[in-house]
Amino acid sequence: MKAWYHLSQPLSQETRDCPALWCKGLPSGRSIPRSSTLSTTHLRAGDVMSLQAHRALARLPKAHTGRTTSAPRKKASTPKASTAKTTIAKTTATDPAAATEESAAKKTKAKAKPKSKSKSKPRTRAKSTKARKKSKKAKAKPAKKKKKVVTPEEKERIILKELKLNALKIPKMAPASAFSVLLAERAKEMKVAVGAGRSPATESSSMYRAFTPEEREHYNHIANQNKVANKSKYKEWILSHTPSQIYEANRARRSLKSRSNSGRSWPKLQDERLVLRRRNAYSGFVAQRYSSGDFAGLNISESGRLIGAEWRAMSESDKEPFTKESERDSARYEQEVKAVYKREVRPRKPSGQPKVVKAA
């Protein structure tokens, strides 16, 4: 009370200019109010302090205030829950009817909360699934690729490519003649491109014509050695494939020979394991007639015409031994095909039907 009484007294000119004199009348430094309260109280009372007095009051020592003026004063932290509890306690103390209404409202809110959660989740899921379905539908389906129409020329190229793969490529052999041995040597020595200067072929041919017998004998000896090496190499390559592969390769080679117009030769692969073809009655009769020696000195066309005429003039009883021989040979062929090729015999094409010639 003494402090507040002291504050309410009018200030003299000396105390206005120097607040330290005014503060001497207070009982202790902790009971001094803040500068803001001092200024407001004196403003209300009509006593206006000078600017110097305000600044001097702000620079008072720690003994009077108990804290530094620079650090801001911490406000008392009051938790919201405590304030809410105090307000609820006050309302309950003042108005019990309002307290009952508030408690009923809280219960209804607590009951309504789980329902809203349970309803909201499936809705979002349903919306998400619907959105996914819409996005899938919105994606444009890839256009189907149109089937490429294969022309007859392209089809023929594909067939030829497959036949060449089945025909099996024979490995490269060493030169097997005296001139080819010389040509290979000159090509290695000259190492010139085709068309640049003299070719190895022309050089080798001029040299070969000028050879002495001793020189030719030397190149013949090399060629004979190469023949022996080629024979063993070829046999080794043939044995590296199965008999069925060699059989299919020979079939492909026959087809390539009839189809291709390049002039390339497709020789038959020689393999002792292959099954000999079966003979019919007429082929047995032809073999017998040629072995007799009656057609010596005649070409194939003339001898074939005469043998065909004889076969047509023969009776069925005369043809019977040849037909029985062909049946025995067919039985042999079927057994060997099963043993060697591991498959059944393909049915023969019916005789008497003309061959279908494909249009070029």
Protein backbone atom coordinates (compact mmCIF):
# COMPACT_ATOMS: atom_id res chain seq x y z
CA MET A 1 0.00 0.00 0.00
CA LYS A 2 2.86 2.29 0.82
CA ALA A 3 4.31 1.79 -2.67
CA TRP A 4 1.05 2.55 -4.39
CA TYR A 5 0.48 5.51 -2.15
CA HIS A 6 3.91 6.75 -3.06
CA LEU A 7 3.06 6.39 -6.73
CA SER A 8 -0.14 8.36 -6.38
CA GLN A 9 1.67 11.40 -4.97
CA PRO A 10 2.41 14.26 -7.40
CA LEU A 11 5.99 14.35 -8.70
CA SER A 12 8.19 17.31 -8.28
CA GLN A 13 10.46 18.69 -10.98
CA GLU A 14 13.52 17.01 -9.40
CA THR A 15 11.95 13.56 -9.22
CA ARG A 16 10.68 13.86 -12.78
CA ASP A 17 14.19 14.50 -14.05
CA CYS A 18 15.82 11.87 -11.79
CA PRO A 19 13.65 8.84 -10.92
CA ALA A 20 16.36 7.44 -8.65
CA LEU A 21 15.42 10.04 -6.06
CA TRP A 22 11.81 9.03 -6.36
CA CYS A 23 12.60 5.36 -5.89
CA LYS A 24 14.29 5.97 -2.51
CA GLY A 25 10.91 6.23 -0.84
CA LEU A 26 9.95 2.64 -1.76
CA PRO A 27 10.34 -0.18 0.80
CA SER A 28 12.28 -2.57 -1.54
CA GLY A 29 13.46 -2.89 -5.15
CA ARG A 30 11.10 -5.83 -5.97
CA SER A 31 7.97 -3.78 -5.16
CA ILE A 32 8.82 -1.23 -7.88
CA PRO A 33 6.35 -1.54 -10.74
CA ARG A 34 7.41 -1.72 -14.37
CA SER A 35 8.18 1.41 -16.33
CA SER A 36 5.07 0.85 -18.46
CA THR A 37 2.80 0.90 -15.39
CA LEU A 38 4.56 3.94 -14.04
CA SER A 39 4.14 5.83 -17.27
CA THR A 40 0.46 4.86 -17.62
CA THR A 41 -0.40 5.69 -14.00
CA HIS A 42 1.25 9.08 -14.24
CA LEU A 43 -0.31 9.76 -17.58
CA ARG A 44 -3.75 9.07 -16.06
CA ALA A 45 -2.94 11.27 -13.10
CA GLY A 46 -1.84 14.10 -15.36
CA ASP A 47 1.83 13.96 -14.39
CA VAL A 48 3.78 13.68 -17.60
CA MET A 49 7.31 12.42 -17.10
CA SER A 50 10.04 13.76 -19.22
CA LEU A 51 11.83 11.61 -21.80
CA GLN A 52 14.99 11.65 -19.72
CA ALA A 53 13.10 10.30 -16.70
CA HIS A 54 11.73 7.41 -18.80
CA ARG A 55 15.18 6.52 -20.06
CA ALA A 56 16.64 6.74 -16.54
CA LEU A 57 13.86 4.51 -15.23
CA ALA A 58 14.64 1.91 -17.88
CA ARG A 59 18.30 1.89 -16.79
CA LEU A 60 17.64 1.13 -13.13
CA PRO A 61 20.09 -1.34 -11.45
CA LYS A 62 19.26 -5.04 -10.87
CA ALA A 63 18.81 -4.51 -7.14
CA HIS A 64 15.57 -2.66 -7.71
CA THR A 65 13.97 -4.97 -10.31
CA GLY A 66 15.53 -8.39 -9.70
CA ARG A 67 16.06 -9.11 -13.46
CA THR A 68 17.80 -7.61 -16.44
CA THR A 69 15.86 -5.15 -18.54
CA SER A 70 17.09 -6.59 -21.83
CA ALA A 71 15.69 -10.14 -21.40
CA PRO A 72 11.94 -10.34 -22.02
CA ARG A 73 9.80 -11.63 -19.22
CA LYS A 74 8.45 -15.13 -19.73
CA LYS A 75 4.74 -15.50 -19.67
CA ALA A 76 3.25 -18.20 -17.50
CA SER A 77 2.36 -21.17 -19.73
CA THR A 78 -1.15 -22.28 -18.97
CA PRO A 79 -2.21 -25.53 -20.69
CA LYS A 80 -5.36 -25.38 -22.70
CA ALA A 81 -6.80 -28.40 -20.97
CA SER A 82 -6.45 -26.80 -17.57
CA THR A 83 -8.14 -23.60 -18.76
CA ALA A 84 -10.89 -25.61 -20.33
CA LYS A 85 -11.34 -27.55 -17.09
CA THR A 86 -11.46 -24.37 -15.06
CA THR A 87 -14.04 -22.86 -17.41
CA ILE A 88 -16.12 -26.06 -17.25
CA ALA A 89 -15.81 -26.10 -13.46
CA LYS A 90 -16.94 -22.49 -13.29
CA THR A 91 -19.92 -23.11 -15.55
CA THR A 92 -20.91 -26.21 -13.59
CA ALA A 93 -20.64 -24.29 -10.38
CA THR A 94 -22.75 -21.46 -11.72
CA ASP A 95 -25.22 -23.32 -13.96
CA PRO A 96 -25.79 -27.12 -13.41
CA ALA A 97 -28.30 -27.32 -16.32
CA ALA A 98 -25.69 -26.08 -18.80
CA ALA A 99 -23.22 -28.69 -17.48
CA THR A 100 -25.68 -31.51 -18.12
CA GLU A 101 -26.33 -30.22 -21.66
CA GLU A 102 -22.58 -30.07 -22.38
CA SER A 103 -22.00 -33.62 -21.10
CA ALA A 104 -24.90 -34.94 -23.25
CA ALA A 105 -23.52 -33.16 -26.30
CA LYS A 106 -20.07 -34.73 -25.70
CA LYS A 107 -21.57 -38.22 -25.49
CA THR A 108 -23.45 -37.78 -28.74
CA LYS A 109 -20.28 -36.52 -30.45
CA ALA A 110 -18.29 -39.49 -29.13
CA LYS A 111 -20.89 -41.92 -30.48
CA ALA A 112 -21.11 -40.19 -33.85
CA LYS A 113 -17.32 -40.16 -34.50
CA PRO A 114 -16.71 -43.89 -35.21
CA LYS A 115 -19.71 -44.03 -37.56
CA SER A 116 -18.36 -41.18 -39.65
CA LYS A 117 -14.92 -42.87 -39.89
CA SER A 118 -16.34 -46.25 -40.88
CA LYS A 119 -18.50 -44.66 -43.57
CA SER A 120 -15.82 -42.40 -45.00
CA LYS A 121 -13.15 -45.10 -45.63
CA PRO A 122 -15.12 -47.40 -47.95
CA ARG A 123 -16.28 -44.40 -49.94
CA THR A 124 -12.71 -43.35 -50.65
CA ARG A 125 -11.79 -46.93 -51.58
CA ALA A 126 -14.74 -47.21 -53.90
CA LYS A 127 -13.82 -43.92 -55.48
CA SER A 128 -10.21 -45.04 -55.91
CA THR A 129 -11.26 -48.32 -57.57
CA LYS A 130 -13.64 -46.46 -59.85
CA ALA A 131 -10.89 -44.01 -60.75
CA ARG A 132 -8.53 -46.90 -61.54
CA LYS A 133 -11.12 -48.55 -63.77
CA LYS A 134 -11.68 -45.26 -65.58
CA SER A 135 -7.94 -44.75 -66.04
CA LYS A 136 -7.59 -48.29 -67.46
CA LYS A 137 -10.44 -47.64 -69.88
CA ALA A 138 -8.99 -44.27 -70.79
CA LYS A 139 -5.70 -45.90 -71.85
CA ALA A 140 -5.78 -46.39 -75.58
CA LYS A 141 -5.44 -50.02 -76.64
CA PRO A 142 -2.46 -50.71 -78.92
CA ALA A 143 -3.51 -51.03 -82.50
CA LYS A 144 -3.24 -54.54 -83.91
CA LYS A 145 -0.44 -54.95 -86.39
CA LYS A 146 -1.61 -55.82 -89.84
CA LYS A 147 -0.38 -59.14 -91.16
CA LYS A 148 2.26 -58.68 -93.79
CA VAL A 149 1.23 -60.12 -97.13
CA VAL A 150 4.03 -62.39 -98.37
CA THR A 151 4.56 -62.26 -102.11
CA PRO A 152 5.39 -65.44 -104.08
CA GLU A 153 8.96 -64.21 -104.63
CA GLU A 154 9.48 -63.67 -100.88
CA LYS A 155 7.96 -67.06 -100.14
CA GLU A 156 10.38 -68.69 -102.60
CA ARG A 157 13.32 -66.92 -100.91
CA ILE A 158 12.22 -68.23 -97.50
CA ILE A 159 11.97 -71.79 -98.86
CA LEU A 160 15.42 -71.55 -100.47
CA LYS A 161 16.92 -70.24 -97.23
CA GLU A 162 15.50 -73.17 -95.25
CA LEU A 163 16.69 -75.66 -97.87
CA LYS A 164 20.22 -74.24 -97.75
CA LEU A 165 20.28 -74.62 -93.99
CA ASN A 166 19.20 -78.26 -94.28
CA ALA A 167 21.63 -78.97 -97.15
CA LEU A 168 24.70 -78.72 -94.82
CA LYS A 169 27.75 -76.78 -95.99
CA ILE A 170 30.73 -78.97 -96.93
CA PRO A 171 33.99 -77.76 -95.34
CA LYS A 172 36.62 -76.16 -97.55
CA MET A 173 39.10 -78.68 -98.97
CA ALA A 174 42.70 -78.33 -100.08
CA PRO A 175 43.44 -78.07 -103.85
CA ALA A 176 43.43 -81.57 -105.39
CA SER A 177 45.09 -80.95 -108.81
CA ALA A 178 48.51 -79.72 -109.89
CA PHE A 179 47.19 -76.51 -111.47
CA SER A 180 44.96 -75.66 -108.45
CA VAL A 181 47.96 -76.13 -106.15
CA LEU A 182 49.98 -73.70 -108.29
CA LEU A 183 47.10 -71.22 -108.42
CA ALA A 184 46.77 -71.24 -104.62
CA GLU A 185 50.49 -70.62 -104.23
CA ARG A 186 50.56 -67.72 -106.72
CA ALA A 187 47.49 -66.09 -105.10
CA LYS A 188 49.25 -66.08 -101.72
CA GLU A 189 52.47 -64.70 -103.20
CA MET A 190 50.92 -61.98 -105.32
CA LYS A 191 48.25 -60.85 -102.84
CA VAL A 192 46.61 -58.59 -105.38
CA ALA A 193 42.95 -57.72 -105.75
CA VAL A 194 40.93 -58.96 -108.69
CA GLY A 195 41.30 -56.58 -111.63
CA ALA A 196 44.46 -54.90 -110.32
CA GLY A 197 47.25 -55.78 -112.74
CA ARG A 198 47.58 -59.40 -113.79
CA SER A 199 45.33 -61.88 -112.02
CA PRO A 200 46.73 -65.01 -110.32
CA ALA A 201 44.84 -67.23 -112.81
CA THR A 202 46.54 -65.80 -115.89
CA GLU A 203 49.93 -65.79 -114.16
CA SER A 204 49.50 -69.42 -113.07
CA SER A 205 48.34 -70.65 -116.48
CA SER A 206 51.36 -69.12 -118.24
CA MET A 207 53.69 -70.64 -115.66
CA TYR A 208 52.05 -74.08 -115.80
CA ARG A 209 52.44 -74.26 -119.57
CA ALA A 210 56.15 -73.51 -119.23
CA PHE A 211 56.73 -76.16 -116.53
CA THR A 212 59.22 -78.95 -117.02
CA PRO A 213 58.13 -82.58 -116.30
CA GLU A 214 59.99 -82.50 -112.98
CA GLU A 215 58.13 -79.38 -111.87
CA ARG A 216 54.78 -80.86 -112.87
CA GLU A 217 55.59 -84.04 -111.01
CA HIS A 218 56.29 -81.96 -107.89
CA TYR A 219 52.86 -80.30 -108.01
CA ASN A 220 51.16 -83.63 -108.81
CA HIS A 221 52.72 -85.13 -105.69
CA ILE A 222 51.33 -82.27 -103.54
CA ALA A 223 47.89 -82.69 -105.14
CA ASN A 224 47.82 -86.45 -104.35
CA GLN A 225 48.71 -85.77 -100.73
CA ASN A 226 45.88 -83.22 -100.56
CA LYS A 227 43.45 -85.78 -101.98
CA VAL A 228 44.20 -88.23 -99.18
CA ALA A 229 43.86 -85.47 -96.56
CA ASN A 230 40.58 -84.28 -98.11
CA LYS A 231 39.14 -87.78 -98.12
CA SER A 232 39.80 -88.28 -94.40
CA LYS A 233 38.51 -84.77 -93.63
CA TYR A 234 35.32 -85.35 -95.61
CA LYS A 235 34.68 -88.70 -93.91
CA GLU A 236 35.21 -87.15 -90.49
CA TRP A 237 32.75 -84.36 -91.34
CA ILE A 238 30.15 -86.86 -92.59
CA LEU A 239 30.44 -88.96 -89.41
CA SER A 240 29.92 -85.83 -87.29
CA HIS A 241 26.26 -85.87 -88.48
CA THR A 242 23.61 -88.52 -88.00
CA PRO A 243 22.40 -90.63 -90.97
CA SER A 244 19.00 -88.94 -90.82
CA GLN A 245 20.67 -85.50 -91.11
CA ILE A 246 22.63 -86.64 -94.16
CA TYR A 247 19.44 -88.09 -95.68
CA GLU A 248 17.53 -84.80 -95.18
CA ALA A 249 20.52 -82.85 -96.54
CA ASN A 250 20.47 -84.92 -99.75
CA ARG A 251 16.74 -84.30 -100.12
CA ALA A 252 17.31 -80.55 -99.72
CA ARG A 253 20.17 -80.67 -102.25
CA ARG A 254 17.93 -82.35 -104.83
CA SER A 255 15.28 -79.70 -104.29
CA LEU A 256 17.82 -76.86 -104.55
CA LYS A 257 19.18 -78.32 -107.77
CA SER A 258 15.72 -78.20 -109.35
CA ARG A 259 14.72 -74.80 -107.90
CA SER A 260 17.82 -72.59 -108.14
CA ASN A 261 18.88 -71.04 -111.46
CA SER A 262 22.30 -69.82 -110.26
CA GLY A 263 24.16 -72.75 -111.83
CA ARG A 264 25.63 -73.83 -108.51
CA SER A 265 26.12 -77.57 -108.17
CA TRP A 266 24.66 -79.40 -105.19
CA PRO A 267 26.39 -82.80 -105.18
CA LYS A 268 24.97 -85.69 -103.23
CA LEU A 269 26.61 -86.35 -99.88
CA GLN A 270 28.26 -89.77 -99.84
CA ASP A 271 27.64 -91.77 -96.67
CA GLU A 272 27.98 -95.54 -96.31
CA ARG A 273 25.46 -95.55 -93.46
CA LEU A 274 22.62 -94.41 -95.68
CA VAL A 275 19.94 -96.97 -96.51
CA LEU A 276 19.89 -98.08 -100.15
CA ARG A 277 16.74 -97.19 -102.01
CA ARG A 278 14.25 -99.95 -102.74
CA ARG A 279 13.82 -101.28 -106.26
CA ASN A 280 10.57 -101.92 -108.02
CA ALA A 281 10.04 -104.72 -110.55
CA TYR A 282 10.92 -102.61 -113.59
CA SER A 283 14.21 -101.25 -112.11
CA GLY A 284 15.24 -104.85 -111.31
CA PHE A 285 14.58 -105.86 -114.91
CA VAL A 286 16.60 -102.86 -116.22
CA ALA A 287 19.57 -103.74 -114.00
CA GLN A 288 19.50 -107.33 -115.25
CA ARG A 289 19.41 -106.25 -118.93
CA TYR A 290 22.34 -103.80 -118.57
CA SER A 291 24.43 -106.41 -116.74
CA SER A 292 23.92 -108.86 -119.65
CA GLY A 293 26.01 -106.70 -122.03
CA ASP A 294 23.49 -106.72 -124.88
CA PHE A 295 23.35 -102.91 -125.04
CA ALA A 296 27.08 -102.26 -125.19
CA GLY A 297 27.89 -99.37 -127.52
CA LEU A 298 24.39 -97.85 -127.32
CA ASN A 299 23.64 -94.57 -125.60
CA ILE A 300 21.26 -94.42 -122.66
CA SER A 301 18.29 -93.05 -124.60
CA GLU A 302 18.40 -95.81 -127.21
CA SER A 303 18.99 -98.61 -124.73
CA GLY A 304 16.26 -97.29 -122.45
CA ARG A 305 13.76 -97.19 -125.29
CA LEU A 306 14.52 -100.83 -126.23
CA ILE A 307 14.33 -102.11 -122.62
CA GLY A 308 10.98 -100.36 -122.11
CA ALA A 309 9.55 -102.03 -125.19
CA GLU A 310 10.68 -105.44 -123.95
CA TRP A 311 9.05 -104.86 -120.51
CA ARG A 312 5.73 -103.92 -122.03
CA ALA A 313 5.77 -107.04 -124.24
CA MET A 314 6.33 -109.39 -121.25
CA SER A 315 3.45 -111.34 -119.67
CA GLU A 316 2.54 -111.27 -115.98
CA SER A 317 4.09 -114.67 -115.39
CA ASP A 318 7.38 -113.43 -116.86
CA LYS A 319 7.25 -110.33 -114.60
CA GLU A 320 6.47 -112.37 -111.47
CA PRO A 321 10.08 -113.07 -110.38
CA PHE A 322 10.88 -109.35 -110.59
CA THR A 323 7.78 -108.41 -108.56
CA LYS A 324 8.72 -110.92 -105.80
CA GLU A 325 12.25 -109.52 -105.72
CA SER A 326 10.87 -105.99 -105.30
CA GLU A 327 8.65 -107.15 -102.38
CA ARG A 328 11.66 -108.66 -100.61
CA ASP A 329 13.65 -105.47 -101.20
CA SER A 330 10.78 -103.35 -99.79
CA ALA A 331 10.76 -105.42 -96.61
CA ARG A 332 14.52 -104.94 -96.29
CA TYR A 333 14.15 -101.18 -96.82
CA GLU A 334 11.50 -100.85 -94.09
CA GLN A 335 13.64 -102.67 -91.52
CA GLU A 336 16.75 -100.63 -92.29
CA VAL A 337 14.85 -97.31 -92.16
CA LYS A 338 13.52 -98.12 -88.68
CA ALA A 339 16.99 -99.17 -87.49
CA VAL A 340 19.05 -96.35 -89.06
CA TYR A 341 16.73 -93.33 -89.35
CA LYS A 342 14.61 -94.18 -86.26
CA ARG A 343 11.33 -93.52 -88.08
CA GLU A 344 8.63 -95.18 -90.12
CA VAL A 345 8.75 -95.47 -93.90
CA ARG A 346 7.07 -92.62 -95.72
CA PRO A 347 4.28 -93.77 -98.06
CA ARG A 348 5.12 -93.89 -101.73
CA LYS A 349 3.54 -91.49 -104.15
CA PRO A 350 0.97 -93.25 -106.33
CA SER A 351 2.37 -94.05 -109.76
CA GLY A 352 0.61 -93.06 -112.96
CA GLN A 353 -0.06 -89.45 -111.87
CA PRO A 354 1.69 -86.64 -113.71
CA LYS A 355 4.10 -84.44 -111.73
CA VAL A 356 2.81 -81.05 -110.68
CA VAL A 357 5.17 -78.46 -112.09
CA LYS A 358 5.15 -75.22 -110.07
CA ALA A 359 4.79 -72.02 -112.00
CA ALA A 360 7.93 -69.91 -111.99
